[in-house]
PDB file of N, CA and C in Angstrom:
ATOM      1  N   MET A   1       0.779  -1.206  -0.057  1.00  0.00           N
ATOM      2  CA  MET A   1       0.048  -0.037  -0.123  1.00  0.00           C
ATOM      3  C   MET A   1       0.865   1.474  -0.071  1.00  0.00           C
ATOM      4  N   ALA A   2       0.551   2.121  -0.754  1.00  0.00           N
ATOM      5  CA  ALA A   2       1.178   3.511  -0.915  1.00  0.00           C
ATOM      6  C   ALA A   2       1.014   4.283   0.321  1.00  0.00           C
ATOM      7  N   GLY A   3       2.176   5.182   0.561  1.00  0.00           N
ATOM      8  CA  GLY A   3       2.109   6.171   1.786  1.00  0.00           C
ATOM      9  C   GLY A   3       1.396   7.280   1.302  1.00  0.00           C
ATOM     10  N   PRO A   4       1.057   8.338   2.213  1.00  0.00           N
ATOM     11  CA  PRO A   4       0.353   9.470   1.916  1.00  0.00           C
ATOM     12  C   PRO A   4       1.124  10.361   0.828  1.00  0.00           C
ATOM     13  N   GLY A   5       2.383  10.197   0.814  1.00  0.00           N
ATOM     14  CA  GLY A   5       3.080  11.249   0.004  1.00  0.00           C
ATOM     15  C   GLY A   5       3.445  10.620  -1.379  1.00  0.00           C
ATOM     16  N   GLU A   6       3.088   9.391  -1.776  1.00  0.00           N
ATOM     17  CA  GLU A   6       3.683   8.661  -2.877  1.00  0.00           C
ATOM     18  C   GLU A   6       3.059   9.237  -4.043  1.00  0.00           C
ATOM     19  N   GLY A   7       1.846   9.684  -4.108  1.00  0.00           N
ATOM     20  CA  GLY A   7       1.300  10.343  -5.218  1.00  0.00           C
ATOM     21  C   GLY A   7       2.298  11.282  -5.909  1.00  0.00           C
ATOM     22  N   TRP A   8       2.754  12.175  -5.109  1.00  0.00           N
ATOM     23  CA  TRP A   8       3.557  13.233  -5.423  1.00  0.00           C
ATOM     24  C   TRP A   8       5.104  12.997  -5.648  1.00  0.00           C
ATOM     25  N   LYS A   9       5.487  11.718  -5.603  1.00  0.00           N
ATOM     26  CA  LYS A   9       6.893  11.515  -5.723  1.00  0.00           C
ATOM     27  C   LYS A   9       7.691  12.041  -6.892  1.00  0.00           C
ATOM     28  N   GLY A  10       7.057  12.003  -8.053  1.00  0.00           N
ATOM     29  CA  GLY A  10       7.800  12.466  -9.347  1.00  0.00           C
ATOM     30  C   GLY A  10       7.456  13.868  -9.674  1.00  0.00           C
ATOM     31  N   VAL A  11       6.842  14.576  -8.928  1.00  0.00           N
ATOM     32  CA  VAL A  11       6.554  16.015  -9.013  1.00  0.00           C
ATOM     33  C   VAL A  11       7.923  16.718  -9.100  1.00  0.00           C
ATOM     34  N   GLY A  12       8.806  16.628  -8.199  1.00  0.00           N
ATOM     35  CA  GLY A  12      10.075  17.356  -8.178  1.00  0.00           C
ATOM     36  C   GLY A  12      10.943  16.997  -9.401  1.00  0.00           C
ATOM     37  N   GLN A  13      10.869  15.679  -9.776  1.00  0.00           N
ATOM     38  CA  GLN A  13      11.664  15.336 -10.879  1.00  0.00           C
ATOM     39  C   GLN A  13      11.134  16.054 -12.209  1.00  0.00           C
ATOM     40  N   ALA A  14       9.764  16.174 -12.197  1.00  0.00           N
ATOM     41  CA  ALA A  14       9.098  16.758 -13.493  1.00  0.00           C
ATOM     42  C   ALA A  14       9.308  18.270 -13.583  1.00  0.00           C
ATOM     43  N   TRP A  15       9.285  19.085 -12.492  1.00  0.00           N
ATOM     44  CA  TRP A  15       9.746  20.310 -12.355  1.00  0.00           C
ATOM     45  C   TRP A  15      11.376  20.537 -12.766  1.00  0.00           C
ATOM     46  N   SER A  16      12.245  19.554 -12.291  1.00  0.00           N
ATOM     47  CA  SER A  16      13.601  19.631 -12.686  1.00  0.00           C
ATOM     48  C   SER A  16      13.942  19.594 -14.091  1.00  0.00           C
ATOM     49  N   VAL A  17      13.037  18.575 -14.857  1.00  0.00           N
ATOM     50  CA  VAL A  17      12.987  18.261 -16.287  1.00  0.00           C
ATOM     51  C   VAL A  17      12.634  19.656 -17.014  1.00  0.00           C
ATOM     52  N   THR A  18      11.554  20.065 -16.421  1.00  0.00           N
ATOM     53  CA  THR A  18      10.796  21.186 -17.195  1.00  0.00           C
ATOM     54  C   THR A  18      11.718  22.502 -16.967  1.00  0.00           C
ATOM     55  N   GLY A  19      12.460  22.727 -15.910  1.00  0.00           N
ATOM     56  CA  GLY A  19      13.434  23.809 -15.782  1.00  0.00           C
ATOM     57  C   GLY A  19      14.540  23.650 -16.505  1.00  0.00           C
ATOM     58  N   THR A  20      15.024  22.348 -16.554  1.00  0.00           N
ATOM     59  CA  THR A  20      16.165  22.255 -17.534  1.00  0.00           C
ATOM     60  C   THR A  20      15.923  22.634 -19.066  1.00  0.00           C
ATOM     61  N   LEU A  21      14.890  21.985 -19.405  1.00  0.00           N
ATOM     62  CA  LEU A  21      14.456  22.488 -20.891  1.00  0.00           C
ATOM     63  C   LEU A  21      14.303  23.929 -21.219  1.00  0.00           C
ATOM     64  N   ILE A  22      13.594  24.763 -20.146  1.00  0.00           N
ATOM     65  CA  ILE A  22      13.381  26.006 -20.399  1.00  0.00           C
ATOM     66  C   ILE A  22      14.557  26.780 -20.242  1.00  0.00           C
ATOM     67  N   ALA A  23      15.685  26.376 -19.278  1.00  0.00           N
ATOM     68  CA  ALA A  23      16.814  27.147 -19.130  1.00  0.00           C
ATOM     69  C   ALA A  23      17.618  26.953 -20.400  1.00  0.00           C
ATOM     70  N   GLY A  24      17.641  25.810 -20.845  1.00  0.00           N
ATOM     71  CA  GLY A  24      18.597  25.506 -22.359  1.00  0.00           C
ATOM     72  C   GLY A  24      17.901  26.639 -23.286  1.00  0.00           C
ATOM     73  N   ILE A  25      16.663  26.490 -23.494  1.00  0.00           N
ATOM     74  CA  ILE A  25      16.074  27.404 -24.625  1.00  0.00           C
ATOM     75  C   ILE A  25      16.329  29.062 -24.331  1.00  0.00           C
ATOM     76  N   ILE A  26      16.120  29.355 -23.047  1.00  0.00           N
ATOM     77  CA  ILE A  26      16.507  30.638 -22.797  1.00  0.00           C
ATOM     78  C   ILE A  26      17.920  31.161 -22.709  1.00  0.00           C
ATOM     79  N   ALA A  27      18.915  30.265 -22.315  1.00  0.00           N
ATOM     80  CA  ALA A  27      20.365  30.616 -22.391  1.00  0.00           C
ATOM     81  C   ALA A  27      20.874  30.400 -23.914  1.00  0.00           C
ATOM     82  N   TRP A  28      20.591  29.462 -24.599  1.00  0.00           N
ATOM     83  CA  TRP A  28      20.989  29.364 -26.034  1.00  0.00           C
ATOM     84  C   TRP A  28      20.222  30.374 -26.764  1.00  0.00           C
ATOM     85  N   GLY A  29      19.063  30.545 -26.602  1.00  0.00           N
ATOM     86  CA  GLY A  29      18.188  31.673 -27.246  1.00  0.00           C
ATOM     87  C   GLY A  29      18.755  33.109 -27.103  1.00  0.00           C
ATOM     88  N   GLY A  30      19.279  33.346 -25.844  1.00  0.00           N
ATOM     89  CA  GLY A  30      19.974  34.448 -25.709  1.00  0.00           C
ATOM     90  C   GLY A  30      21.248  34.857 -26.232  1.00  0.00           C
ATOM     91  N   VAL A  31      22.008  33.847 -26.269  1.00  0.00           N
ATOM     92  CA  VAL A  31      23.370  33.538 -27.089  1.00  0.00           C
ATOM     93  C   VAL A  31      22.942  33.863 -28.557  1.00  0.00           C
ATOM     94  N   GLY A  32      22.088  33.238 -28.968  1.00  0.00           N
ATOM     95  CA  GLY A  32      21.654  33.569 -30.430  1.00  0.00           C
ATOM     96  C   GLY A  32      21.214  34.966 -30.658  1.00  0.00           C
ATOM     97  N   TYR A  33      20.541  35.529 -29.713  1.00  0.00           N
ATOM     98  CA  TYR A  33      19.893  36.879 -29.805  1.00  0.00           C
ATOM     99  C   TYR A  33      21.313  37.746 -29.884  1.00  0.00           C
ATOM    100  N   LEU A  34      22.241  37.509 -29.057  1.00  0.00           N
ATOM    101  CA  LEU A  34      23.385  38.448 -28.616  1.00  0.00           C
ATOM    102  C   LEU A  34      24.299  38.326 -30.128  1.00  0.00           C
ATOM    103  N   VAL A  35      24.401  37.247 -30.611  1.00  0.00           N
ATOM    104  CA  VAL A  35      24.874  36.876 -31.890  1.00  0.00           C
ATOM    105  C   VAL A  35      24.187  37.758 -33.138  1.00  0.00           C
ATOM    106  N   ASP A  36      23.027  37.845 -33.044  1.00  0.00           N
ATOM    107  CA  ASP A  36      22.339  38.678 -34.011  1.00  0.00           C
ATOM    108  C   ASP A  36      22.508  39.945 -34.132  1.00  0.00           C
ATOM    109  N   ARG A  37      22.498  40.489 -32.568  1.00  0.00           N
ATOM    110  CA  ARG A  37      22.935  41.831 -32.602  1.00  0.00           C
ATOM    111  C   ARG A  37      24.382  42.140 -32.753  1.00  0.00           C
ATOM    112  N   TRP A  38      25.153  41.342 -32.543  1.00  0.00           N
ATOM    113  CA  TRP A  38      26.588  41.488 -32.859  1.00  0.00           C
ATOM    114  C   TRP A  38      26.858  41.516 -34.417  1.00  0.00           C
ATOM    115  N   VAL A  39      26.470  40.538 -35.227  1.00  0.00           N
ATOM    116  CA  VAL A  39      26.628  40.599 -36.532  1.00  0.00           C
ATOM    117  C   VAL A  39      25.697  41.520 -37.143  1.00  0.00           C
ATOM    118  N   GLY A  40      24.646  41.804 -36.754  1.00  0.00           N
ATOM    119  CA  GLY A  40      23.716  42.637 -37.379  1.00  0.00           C
ATOM    120  C   GLY A  40      22.792  42.061 -38.320  1.00  0.00           C
ATOM    121  N   PHE A  41      22.350  40.775 -38.072  1.00  0.00           N
ATOM    122  CA  PHE A  41      21.141  39.978 -38.676  1.00  0.00           C
ATOM    123  C   PHE A  41      19.899  40.530 -37.741  1.00  0.00           C
ATOM    124  N   HIS A  42      18.976  40.192 -38.535  1.00  0.00           N
ATOM    125  CA  HIS A  42      17.602  40.195 -37.726  1.00  0.00           C
ATOM    126  C   HIS A  42      16.959  39.085 -37.712  1.00  0.00           C
ATOM    127  N   TRP A  43      16.844  38.404 -36.435  1.00  0.00           N
ATOM    128  CA  TRP A  43      16.173  37.182 -36.129  1.00  0.00           C
ATOM    129  C   TRP A  43      16.615  35.969 -36.907  1.00  0.00           C
ATOM    130  N   LEU A  44      17.942  35.978 -37.126  1.00  0.00           N
ATOM    131  CA  LEU A  44      18.440  34.638 -37.736  1.00  0.00           C
ATOM    132  C   LEU A  44      18.991  33.743 -36.659  1.00  0.00           C
ATOM    133  N   PHE A  45      19.840  34.155 -35.766  1.00  0.00           N
ATOM    134  CA  PHE A  45      20.273  33.268 -34.897  1.00  0.00           C
ATOM    135  C   PHE A  45      19.707  32.914 -33.647  1.00  0.00           C
ATOM    136  N   LEU A  46      18.612  33.712 -33.254  1.00  0.00           N
ATOM    137  CA  LEU A  46      17.899  33.373 -32.303  1.00  0.00           C
ATOM    138  C   LEU A  46      17.251  32.134 -32.402  1.00  0.00           C
ATOM    139  N   PRO A  47      16.300  31.850 -33.524  1.00  0.00           N
ATOM    140  CA  PRO A  47      15.736  30.377 -33.563  1.00  0.00           C
ATOM    141  C   PRO A  47      16.817  29.360 -33.423  1.00  0.00           C
ATOM    142  N   VAL A  48      18.005  29.707 -34.074  1.00  0.00           N
ATOM    143  CA  VAL A  48      19.025  28.748 -34.197  1.00  0.00           C
ATOM    144  C   VAL A  48      19.490  28.432 -32.769  1.00  0.00           C
ATOM    145  N   GLY A  49      19.809  29.432 -32.105  1.00  0.00           N
ATOM    146  CA  GLY A  49      20.121  29.237 -30.645  1.00  0.00           C
ATOM    147  C   GLY A  49      19.184  28.582 -29.720  1.00  0.00           C
ATOM    148  N   MET A  50      17.882  28.768 -30.036  1.00  0.00           N
ATOM    149  CA  MET A  50      16.763  28.108 -29.402  1.00  0.00           C
ATOM    150  C   MET A  50      16.624  26.722 -29.556  1.00  0.00           C
ATOM    151  N   LEU A  51      17.001  26.368 -31.027  1.00  0.00           N
ATOM    152  CA  LEU A  51      16.917  24.909 -31.263  1.00  0.00           C
ATOM    153  C   LEU A  51      18.201  24.204 -30.682  1.00  0.00           C
ATOM    154  N   ILE A  52      19.301  24.844 -30.718  1.00  0.00           N
ATOM    155  CA  ILE A  52      20.506  24.329 -29.959  1.00  0.00           C
ATOM    156  C   ILE A  52      20.029  24.032 -28.484  1.00  0.00           C
ATOM    157  N   GLY A  53      19.499  24.965 -27.984  1.00  0.00           N
ATOM    158  CA  GLY A  53      19.079  25.062 -26.406  1.00  0.00           C
ATOM    159  C   GLY A  53      18.101  23.816 -26.089  1.00  0.00           C
ATOM    160  N   ILE A  54      17.140  23.449 -26.974  1.00  0.00           N
ATOM    161  CA  ILE A  54      16.269  22.521 -26.802  1.00  0.00           C
ATOM    162  C   ILE A  54      16.918  21.086 -27.085  1.00  0.00           C
ATOM    163  N   SER A  55      17.761  21.137 -27.831  1.00  0.00           N
ATOM    164  CA  SER A  55      18.588  19.906 -28.172  1.00  0.00           C
ATOM    165  C   SER A  55      19.337  19.631 -27.033  1.00  0.00           C
ATOM    166  N   THR A  56      20.147  20.493 -26.469  1.00  0.00           N
ATOM    167  CA  THR A  56      20.991  20.333 -25.488  1.00  0.00           C
ATOM    168  C   THR A  56      20.323  20.037 -24.247  1.00  0.00           C
ATOM    169  N   GLY A  57      19.202  20.725 -23.944  1.00  0.00           N
ATOM    170  CA  GLY A  57      18.210  20.269 -22.839  1.00  0.00           C
ATOM    171  C   GLY A  57      17.732  18.961 -22.690  1.00  0.00           C
ATOM    172  N   ILE A  58      17.352  18.348 -24.113  1.00  0.00           N
ATOM    173  CA  ILE A  58      16.660  17.170 -24.083  1.00  0.00           C
ATOM    174  C   ILE A  58      17.937  16.158 -23.744  1.00  0.00           C
ATOM    175  N   TYR A  59      19.239  16.535 -24.277  1.00  0.00           N
ATOM    176  CA  TYR A  59      20.323  15.787 -24.062  1.00  0.00           C
ATOM    177  C   TYR A  59      20.696  15.418 -22.471  1.00  0.00           C
ATOM    178  N   VAL A  60      20.634  16.658 -21.846  1.00  0.00           N
ATOM    179  CA  VAL A  60      20.954  16.830 -20.559  1.00  0.00           C
ATOM    180  C   VAL A  60      19.936  15.944 -19.688  1.00  0.00           C
ATOM    181  N   VAL A  61      18.609  16.129 -20.000  1.00  0.00           N
ATOM    182  CA  VAL A  61      17.608  15.435 -19.511  1.00  0.00           C
ATOM    183  C   VAL A  61      17.839  13.779 -19.546  1.00  0.00           C
ATOM    184  N   TYR A  62      18.187  13.469 -20.788  1.00  0.00           N
ATOM    185  CA  TYR A  62      18.497  11.967 -21.088  1.00  0.00           C
ATOM    186  C   TYR A  62      19.482  11.598 -20.274  1.00  0.00           C
ATOM    187  N   ILE A  63      20.627  12.317 -20.179  1.00  0.00           N
ATOM    188  CA  ILE A  63      21.663  11.915 -19.406  1.00  0.00           C
ATOM    189  C   ILE A  63      21.389  11.776 -18.040  1.00  0.00           C
ATOM    190  N   ARG A  64      20.657  12.790 -17.421  1.00  0.00           N
ATOM    191  CA  ARG A  64      20.414  12.848 -15.893  1.00  0.00           C
ATOM    192  C   ARG A  64      19.508  11.863 -15.657  1.00  0.00           C
ATOM    193  N   TYR A  65      18.262  11.658 -16.289  1.00  0.00           N
ATOM    194  CA  TYR A  65      17.091  10.759 -15.973  1.00  0.00           C
ATOM    195  C   TYR A  65      16.839   9.610 -16.845  1.00  0.00           C
ATOM    196  N   GLY A  66      17.090   9.497 -18.016  1.00  0.00           N
ATOM    197  CA  GLY A  66      16.740   8.800 -18.949  1.00  0.00           C
ATOM    198  C   GLY A  66      17.535   7.319 -19.108  1.00  0.00           C
ATOM    199  N   ARG A  67      18.679   7.548 -19.028  1.00  0.00           N
ATOM    200  CA  ARG A  67      19.804   6.365 -19.255  1.00  0.00           C
ATOM    201  C   ARG A  67      19.426   5.247 -18.300  1.00  0.00           C
ATOM    202  N   ASP A  68      19.521   3.951 -18.797  1.00  0.00           N
ATOM    203  CA  ASP A  68      19.250   2.791 -17.988  1.00  0.00           C
ATOM    204  C   ASP A  68      20.450   2.536 -17.322  1.00  0.00           C
ATOM    205  N   ASP A  69      20.646   2.410 -16.146  1.00  0.00           N
ATOM    206  CA  ASP A  69      21.953   2.248 -15.388  1.00  0.00           C
ATOM    207  C   ASP A  69      22.362   0.878 -15.427  1.00  0.00           C
ATOM    208  N   GLY A  70      21.779  -0.206 -16.097  1.00  0.00           N
ATOM    209  CA  GLY A  70      22.181  -1.498 -16.194  1.00  0.00           C
ATOM    210  C   GLY A  70      21.428  -2.199 -14.870  1.00  0.00           C
ATOM    211  N   GLN A  71      20.674  -1.625 -14.168  1.00  0.00           N
ATOM    212  CA  GLN A  71      19.889  -2.283 -13.139  1.00  0.00           C
ATOM    213  C   GLN A  71      18.614  -2.838 -13.586  1.00  0.00           C
ATOM    214  N   THR A  72      18.530  -4.213 -13.580  1.00  0.00           N
ATOM    215  CA  THR A  72      17.259  -4.697 -13.866  1.00  0.00           C
ATOM    216  C   THR A  72      16.673  -5.455 -13.018  1.00  0.00           C
TER     217      THR A  72
END
């Protein structure tokens, strides 16, 4: 039988995953925006930076939570 707090067990992990993905988008999107401003383009590197951010965020989430540690 599950304890009283067992229903909320994965909430912290879910917020951690969400925060990691959003932080990747914001950080790399910000880098893309700064490159846009530096080079003089208008909205070219911002979407590229956001795509790099989401892919890096997905990779970090996979490394942190998604890998099978060989425990069966």
